């Protein structure tokens, strides 16, 4: 059975996932009481934000709206 999803559909799905990850990690960072753990969550949030930036650029290049 063939898939009806396009590359753009998959990019939109990934964009949603990395945005959710960034928000989740930042929320965890605000709840962490241990400084090392807080810093790790902030690093993860930044990495997810960087991935979001890259996938948004790919969406725009593919003709979508990011």
C-alpha atoms as a PDB file:
ATOM      1  CA  UNK A   1       0.000   0.000   0.000  1.00  0.00           C
ATOM      2  CA  UNK A   2       1.438   3.358  -1.027  1.00  0.00           C
ATOM      3  CA  UNK A   3       1.791   6.198   1.436  1.00  0.00           C
ATOM      4  CA  UNK A   4      -0.109   9.409   0.775  1.00  0.00           C
ATOM      5  CA  UNK A   5       2.338  11.525   2.765  1.00  0.00           C
ATOM      6  CA  UNK A   6       4.601  13.925   0.919  1.00  0.00           C
ATOM      7  CA  UNK A   7       8.027  15.129   1.974  1.00  0.00           C
ATOM      8  CA  UNK A   8       6.405  18.393   3.018  1.00  0.00           C
ATOM      9  CA  UNK A   9       3.912  16.512   5.225  1.00  0.00           C
ATOM     10  CA  UNK A  10       6.794  14.752   6.948  1.00  0.00           C
ATOM     11  CA  UNK A  11       8.640  18.035   7.427  1.00  0.00           C
ATOM     12  CA  UNK A  12       5.548  19.589   9.007  1.00  0.00           C
ATOM     13  CA  UNK A  13       5.248  16.613  11.353  1.00  0.00           C
ATOM     14  CA  UNK A  14       8.911  16.848  12.333  1.00  0.00           C
ATOM     15  CA  UNK A  15       8.578  20.612  12.822  1.00  0.00           C
ATOM     16  CA  UNK A  16       5.715  20.008  15.249  1.00  0.00           C
ATOM     17  CA  UNK A  17       7.722  17.386  17.126  1.00  0.00           C
ATOM     18  CA  UNK A  18      10.852  19.498  17.599  1.00  0.00           C
ATOM     19  CA  UNK A  19       8.773  22.499  18.687  1.00  0.00           C
ATOM     20  CA  UNK A  20       7.076  20.309  21.296  1.00  0.00           C
ATOM     21  CA  UNK A  21      10.441  18.926  22.413  1.00  0.00           C
ATOM     22  CA  UNK A  22      11.891  22.412  22.860  1.00  0.00           C
ATOM     23  CA  UNK A  23       8.914  23.475  24.980  1.00  0.00           C
ATOM     24  CA  UNK A  24       9.028  20.289  27.015  1.00  0.00           C
ATOM     25  CA  UNK A  25      12.737  20.493  27.752  1.00  0.00           C
ATOM     26  CA  UNK A  26      12.458  24.137  28.756  1.00  0.00           C
ATOM     27  CA  UNK A  27       9.567  23.300  31.056  1.00  0.00           C
ATOM     28  CA  UNK A  28      11.639  20.558  32.662  1.00  0.00           C
ATOM     29  CA  UNK A  29      14.525  22.996  33.058  1.00  0.00           C
ATOM     30  CA  UNK A  30      12.307  25.358  35.023  1.00  0.00           C
ATOM     31  CA  UNK A  31      11.283  22.490  37.318  1.00  0.00           C
ATOM     32  CA  UNK A  32      14.780  21.071  37.905  1.00  0.00           C
ATOM     33  CA  UNK A  33      16.336  21.956  41.236  1.00  0.00           C
ATOM     34  CA  UNK A  34      19.781  20.553  40.474  1.00  0.00           C
ATOM     35  CA  UNK A  35      21.913  22.965  38.451  1.00  0.00           C
ATOM     36  CA  UNK A  36      23.584  20.277  36.311  1.00  0.00           C
ATOM     37  CA  UNK A  37      20.233  18.777  35.390  1.00  0.00           C
ATOM     38  CA  UNK A  38      18.822  22.217  34.601  1.00  0.00           C
ATOM     39  CA  UNK A  39      21.762  22.953  32.310  1.00  0.00           C
ATOM     40  CA  UNK A  40      21.276  19.647  30.464  1.00  0.00           C
ATOM     41  CA  UNK A  41      17.597  20.402  29.865  1.00  0.00           C
ATOM     42  CA  UNK A  42      18.481  23.878  28.614  1.00  0.00           C
ATOM     43  CA  UNK A  43      21.051  22.365  26.249  1.00  0.00           C
ATOM     44  CA  UNK A  44      18.442  19.913  24.952  1.00  0.00           C
ATOM     45  CA  UNK A  45      15.945  22.759  24.484  1.00  0.00           C
ATOM     46  CA  UNK A  46      18.542  24.702  22.490  1.00  0.00           C
ATOM     47  CA  UNK A  47      19.331  21.681  20.319  1.00  0.00           C
ATOM     48  CA  UNK A  48      15.626  21.187  19.592  1.00  0.00           C
ATOM     49  CA  UNK A  49      15.327  24.885  18.754  1.00  0.00           C
ATOM     50  CA  UNK A  50      18.253  24.592  16.337  1.00  0.00           C
ATOM     51  CA  UNK A  51      16.605  21.575  14.688  1.00  0.00           C
ATOM     52  CA  UNK A  52      13.368  23.571  14.421  1.00  0.00           C
ATOM     53  CA  UNK A  53      15.192  26.380  12.642  1.00  0.00           C
ATOM     54  CA  UNK A  54      16.701  23.965  10.133  1.00  0.00           C
ATOM     55  CA  UNK A  55      13.449  22.134   9.412  1.00  0.00           C
ATOM     56  CA  UNK A  56      11.620  25.459   9.042  1.00  0.00           C
ATOM     57  CA  UNK A  57      14.136  26.442   6.380  1.00  0.00           C
ATOM     58  CA  UNK A  58      13.570  23.124   4.599  1.00  0.00           C
ATOM     59  CA  UNK A  59       9.798  23.687   4.705  1.00  0.00           C
ATOM     60  CA  UNK A  60      10.229  27.120   3.141  1.00  0.00           C
ATOM     61  CA  UNK A  61      12.527  25.731   0.441  1.00  0.00           C
ATOM     62  CA  UNK A  62       9.942  23.038  -0.332  1.00  0.00           C
ATOM     63  CA  UNK A  63       7.281  25.700  -0.881  1.00  0.00           C
ATOM     64  CA  UNK A  64       5.524  25.348   2.456  1.00  0.00           C
ATOM     65  CA  UNK A  65       4.766  27.921   5.100  1.00  0.00           C
ATOM     66  CA  UNK A  66       6.948  27.649   8.191  1.00  0.00           C
END
